[in-house]
N, C-alpha and C. Protein backbone atom coordinates (compact mmCIF):
# COMPACT_ATOMS: atom_id res chain seq x y z
N MET A 1 -15.96 -54.92 -40.74
CA MET A 1 -15.95 -54.53 -39.36
C MET A 1 -14.60 -53.89 -39.02
N PRO A 2 -14.61 -52.68 -38.34
CA PRO A 2 -13.36 -52.01 -38.02
C PRO A 2 -12.58 -52.77 -36.96
N ALA A 3 -11.28 -52.59 -36.97
CA ALA A 3 -10.41 -53.23 -35.98
C ALA A 3 -10.56 -52.53 -34.64
N ALA A 4 -10.47 -53.28 -33.54
CA ALA A 4 -10.58 -52.72 -32.19
C ALA A 4 -9.31 -51.95 -31.85
N ALA A 5 -9.45 -50.83 -31.16
CA ALA A 5 -8.30 -50.03 -30.75
C ALA A 5 -7.60 -50.69 -29.59
N SER A 6 -6.31 -50.57 -29.55
CA SER A 6 -5.52 -51.15 -28.48
C SER A 6 -5.28 -50.10 -27.41
N VAL A 7 -5.58 -50.43 -26.16
CA VAL A 7 -5.38 -49.52 -25.04
C VAL A 7 -4.40 -50.15 -24.08
N SER A 8 -3.42 -49.37 -23.63
CA SER A 8 -2.43 -49.86 -22.68
C SER A 8 -2.85 -49.47 -21.28
N ILE A 9 -3.01 -50.44 -20.42
CA ILE A 9 -3.39 -50.20 -19.02
C ILE A 9 -2.20 -50.58 -18.16
N PRO A 10 -1.69 -49.62 -17.32
CA PRO A 10 -0.54 -49.96 -16.47
C PRO A 10 -0.91 -51.02 -15.45
N LYS A 11 0.04 -51.91 -15.19
CA LYS A 11 -0.18 -52.97 -14.21
C LYS A 11 0.22 -52.47 -12.83
N PRO A 12 -0.61 -52.69 -11.81
CA PRO A 12 -0.22 -52.28 -10.46
C PRO A 12 0.94 -53.13 -9.96
N THR A 13 1.78 -52.51 -9.14
CA THR A 13 2.89 -53.25 -8.55
C THR A 13 2.57 -53.53 -7.11
N ALA A 14 3.16 -54.56 -6.56
CA ALA A 14 2.86 -54.97 -5.19
C ALA A 14 3.36 -53.95 -4.18
N SER A 15 4.49 -53.31 -4.45
CA SER A 15 5.07 -52.38 -3.47
C SER A 15 4.64 -50.94 -3.71
N GLY A 16 3.99 -50.66 -4.81
CA GLY A 16 3.61 -49.30 -5.13
C GLY A 16 4.77 -48.51 -5.69
N ALA A 17 5.86 -49.20 -6.03
CA ALA A 17 7.03 -48.53 -6.60
C ALA A 17 6.65 -47.84 -7.89
N GLY A 18 7.19 -46.68 -8.12
CA GLY A 18 6.88 -45.95 -9.34
C GLY A 18 5.71 -45.00 -9.17
N ARG A 19 5.02 -45.09 -8.07
CA ARG A 19 3.88 -44.19 -7.82
C ARG A 19 4.28 -43.21 -6.73
N SER A 20 3.87 -41.97 -6.93
CA SER A 20 4.14 -40.98 -5.88
C SER A 20 2.87 -40.75 -5.08
N ALA A 21 3.06 -40.34 -3.86
CA ALA A 21 1.90 -40.07 -3.00
C ALA A 21 1.16 -38.87 -3.55
N PRO A 22 -0.12 -38.80 -3.35
CA PRO A 22 -0.87 -37.63 -3.83
C PRO A 22 -0.38 -36.38 -3.12
N PRO A 23 -0.35 -35.27 -3.83
CA PRO A 23 0.14 -34.04 -3.20
C PRO A 23 -0.79 -33.57 -2.08
N ILE A 24 -0.17 -33.05 -1.04
CA ILE A 24 -0.93 -32.47 0.07
C ILE A 24 -0.92 -30.96 -0.15
N PRO A 25 -2.09 -30.36 -0.27
CA PRO A 25 -2.14 -28.92 -0.54
C PRO A 25 -1.38 -28.11 0.50
N GLY A 26 -0.47 -27.26 0.04
CA GLY A 26 0.27 -26.36 0.92
C GLY A 26 1.45 -26.99 1.63
N ALA A 27 1.65 -28.32 1.49
CA ALA A 27 2.72 -28.98 2.23
C ALA A 27 4.10 -28.60 1.70
N SER A 28 4.24 -28.43 0.41
CA SER A 28 5.56 -28.16 -0.15
C SER A 28 5.84 -26.67 -0.34
N ARG A 29 4.87 -25.82 -0.10
CA ARG A 29 5.06 -24.38 -0.30
C ARG A 29 5.29 -23.68 1.04
N ALA A 30 6.08 -22.64 0.98
CA ALA A 30 6.27 -21.80 2.18
C ALA A 30 5.00 -20.98 2.39
N PRO A 31 4.71 -20.61 3.61
CA PRO A 31 3.50 -19.79 3.84
C PRO A 31 3.66 -18.44 3.16
N PRO A 32 2.55 -17.85 2.75
CA PRO A 32 2.64 -16.55 2.08
C PRO A 32 3.14 -15.48 3.04
N PRO A 33 3.77 -14.44 2.51
CA PRO A 33 4.25 -13.37 3.39
C PRO A 33 3.06 -12.63 4.00
N PRO A 34 3.28 -11.99 5.14
CA PRO A 34 2.18 -11.24 5.75
C PRO A 34 1.82 -10.04 4.87
N PRO A 35 0.59 -9.57 4.97
CA PRO A 35 0.21 -8.41 4.17
C PRO A 35 0.98 -7.17 4.62
N PRO A 36 1.18 -6.22 3.72
CA PRO A 36 1.90 -5.00 4.11
C PRO A 36 1.07 -4.20 5.12
N PRO A 37 1.74 -3.45 5.96
CA PRO A 37 0.99 -2.63 6.93
C PRO A 37 0.17 -1.58 6.19
N PRO A 38 -0.94 -1.17 6.76
CA PRO A 38 -1.75 -0.15 6.09
C PRO A 38 -0.97 1.14 5.95
N SER A 39 -1.14 1.78 4.83
CA SER A 39 -0.40 3.03 4.60
C SER A 39 -1.02 4.16 5.42
N ALA A 40 -0.17 5.08 5.81
CA ALA A 40 -0.63 6.24 6.58
C ALA A 40 -1.50 7.11 5.67
N PRO A 41 -2.48 7.79 6.24
CA PRO A 41 -3.30 8.67 5.40
C PRO A 41 -2.43 9.75 4.76
N GLN A 42 -2.83 10.14 3.56
CA GLN A 42 -2.09 11.17 2.83
C GLN A 42 -2.13 12.49 3.59
N LYS A 43 -0.97 13.11 3.77
CA LYS A 43 -0.89 14.39 4.46
C LYS A 43 -1.28 15.50 3.49
N GLU A 44 -2.04 16.46 3.97
CA GLU A 44 -2.40 17.61 3.14
C GLU A 44 -1.31 18.66 3.30
N MET A 45 -0.59 18.89 2.20
CA MET A 45 0.54 19.81 2.23
C MET A 45 0.25 21.03 1.37
N TYR A 46 0.73 22.17 1.82
CA TYR A 46 0.64 23.42 1.05
C TYR A 46 2.06 23.94 0.85
N LYS A 47 2.31 24.51 -0.34
CA LYS A 47 3.63 25.06 -0.64
C LYS A 47 3.50 26.58 -0.74
N ALA A 48 4.40 27.29 -0.05
CA ALA A 48 4.39 28.76 -0.09
C ALA A 48 4.81 29.23 -1.48
N LEU A 49 4.00 30.09 -2.08
CA LEU A 49 4.30 30.62 -3.40
C LEU A 49 5.22 31.85 -3.33
N TYR A 50 5.31 32.44 -2.15
CA TYR A 50 6.19 33.59 -1.95
C TYR A 50 6.51 33.69 -0.46
N ASN A 51 7.48 34.52 -0.12
CA ASN A 51 7.83 34.74 1.29
C ASN A 51 6.65 35.42 1.99
N PHE A 52 6.45 35.08 3.25
CA PHE A 52 5.37 35.66 4.03
C PHE A 52 5.89 35.94 5.43
N ALA A 53 5.82 37.22 5.84
CA ALA A 53 6.22 37.61 7.19
C ALA A 53 4.94 37.69 8.01
N GLY A 54 4.75 36.70 8.86
CA GLY A 54 3.54 36.65 9.68
C GLY A 54 3.53 37.70 10.77
N GLN A 55 2.33 38.10 11.16
CA GLN A 55 2.18 39.02 12.29
C GLN A 55 2.22 38.19 13.57
N GLU A 56 2.00 38.84 14.70
CA GLU A 56 2.04 38.13 15.97
C GLU A 56 1.01 36.99 15.96
N GLY A 57 1.47 35.79 16.32
CA GLY A 57 0.59 34.62 16.33
C GLY A 57 0.53 33.90 15.00
N GLU A 58 1.20 34.42 13.98
CA GLU A 58 1.25 33.79 12.66
C GLU A 58 2.66 33.30 12.39
N MET A 59 2.77 32.36 11.51
CA MET A 59 4.09 31.84 11.19
C MET A 59 4.66 32.54 9.96
N ASN A 60 5.98 32.56 9.85
CA ASN A 60 6.67 33.08 8.68
C ASN A 60 6.84 31.94 7.68
N LEU A 61 6.75 32.26 6.41
CA LEU A 61 6.96 31.25 5.37
C LEU A 61 8.01 31.74 4.40
N VAL A 62 8.79 30.81 3.88
CA VAL A 62 9.78 31.09 2.86
C VAL A 62 9.29 30.46 1.57
N LYS A 63 9.45 31.18 0.46
CA LYS A 63 8.98 30.69 -0.83
C LYS A 63 9.49 29.26 -1.06
N GLY A 64 8.56 28.35 -1.43
CA GLY A 64 8.91 26.95 -1.69
C GLY A 64 8.78 26.05 -0.47
N GLU A 65 8.66 26.62 0.72
CA GLU A 65 8.53 25.83 1.94
C GLU A 65 7.19 25.11 1.94
N GLU A 66 7.18 23.86 2.39
CA GLU A 66 5.93 23.10 2.48
C GLU A 66 5.50 22.99 3.93
N VAL A 67 4.20 23.12 4.13
CA VAL A 67 3.62 23.09 5.47
C VAL A 67 2.50 22.05 5.48
N GLU A 68 2.50 21.19 6.50
CA GLU A 68 1.43 20.21 6.65
C GLU A 68 0.24 20.87 7.32
N VAL A 69 -0.95 20.74 6.72
CA VAL A 69 -2.16 21.35 7.26
C VAL A 69 -2.83 20.38 8.21
N LYS A 70 -3.13 20.83 9.41
CA LYS A 70 -3.80 20.02 10.41
C LYS A 70 -5.28 20.35 10.53
N GLU A 71 -5.63 21.62 10.29
CA GLU A 71 -7.03 22.05 10.47
C GLU A 71 -7.31 23.25 9.57
N LYS A 72 -8.53 23.28 9.03
CA LYS A 72 -8.95 24.42 8.19
C LYS A 72 -10.12 25.09 8.88
N ASP A 73 -10.15 26.42 8.76
CA ASP A 73 -11.26 27.19 9.30
C ASP A 73 -12.08 27.74 8.13
N ASP A 74 -13.35 28.01 8.34
CA ASP A 74 -14.23 28.50 7.27
C ASP A 74 -13.79 29.86 6.73
N ASN A 75 -13.04 30.65 7.49
CA ASN A 75 -12.64 31.97 7.03
C ASN A 75 -11.34 31.96 6.23
N GLY A 76 -10.81 30.76 5.90
CA GLY A 76 -9.61 30.68 5.06
C GLY A 76 -8.32 30.54 5.81
N THR A 77 -8.36 30.39 7.12
CA THR A 77 -7.12 30.18 7.86
C THR A 77 -6.87 28.69 8.03
N LEU A 78 -5.59 28.35 8.15
CA LEU A 78 -5.18 26.96 8.29
C LEU A 78 -4.34 26.81 9.55
N ALA A 79 -4.49 25.68 10.23
CA ALA A 79 -3.60 25.35 11.34
C ALA A 79 -2.55 24.39 10.78
N SER A 80 -1.31 24.75 10.92
CA SER A 80 -0.23 23.92 10.38
C SER A 80 0.26 22.97 11.46
N LYS A 81 1.17 22.12 11.06
CA LYS A 81 1.77 21.18 11.99
C LYS A 81 2.56 21.91 13.07
N MET A 82 2.98 23.15 12.77
CA MET A 82 3.74 23.93 13.73
C MET A 82 2.83 24.59 14.77
N ALA A 83 1.54 24.28 14.72
CA ALA A 83 0.56 24.82 15.66
C ALA A 83 0.44 26.33 15.59
N MET A 84 0.55 26.88 14.40
CA MET A 84 0.37 28.32 14.18
C MET A 84 -0.67 28.49 13.09
N TRP A 85 -1.22 29.66 12.97
CA TRP A 85 -2.25 29.94 11.97
C TRP A 85 -1.66 30.80 10.86
N THR A 86 -2.14 30.56 9.62
CA THR A 86 -1.71 31.35 8.49
C THR A 86 -2.85 31.41 7.48
N LYS A 87 -2.80 32.33 6.55
CA LYS A 87 -3.83 32.47 5.54
C LYS A 87 -3.67 31.39 4.47
N ALA A 88 -4.78 30.87 3.93
CA ALA A 88 -4.74 29.79 2.95
C ALA A 88 -4.25 30.24 1.59
N ASP A 89 -4.27 31.54 1.30
CA ASP A 89 -3.86 32.01 -0.03
C ASP A 89 -2.36 32.19 -0.15
N VAL A 90 -1.60 31.69 0.80
CA VAL A 90 -0.15 31.83 0.77
C VAL A 90 0.43 30.85 -0.21
């Protein structure tokens, strides 16, 4: 017959010394940071490939200048942030 295994069982103490209270979820942690603000929608930008001297009611562009597009028309014109119209092939 095999020998019985010995198991050690801790004895309870009268004062509960040596035992810690069960953890309270979230009690010891700082609250999480607030979520980041929503990002602004991506701006549609166009870069001038060459200088452009606009006619009356059109804007002038310098090569390399970037313009934010606010509105597109079916005929290829764009309304820029400067509230002027220019051709889309610039």
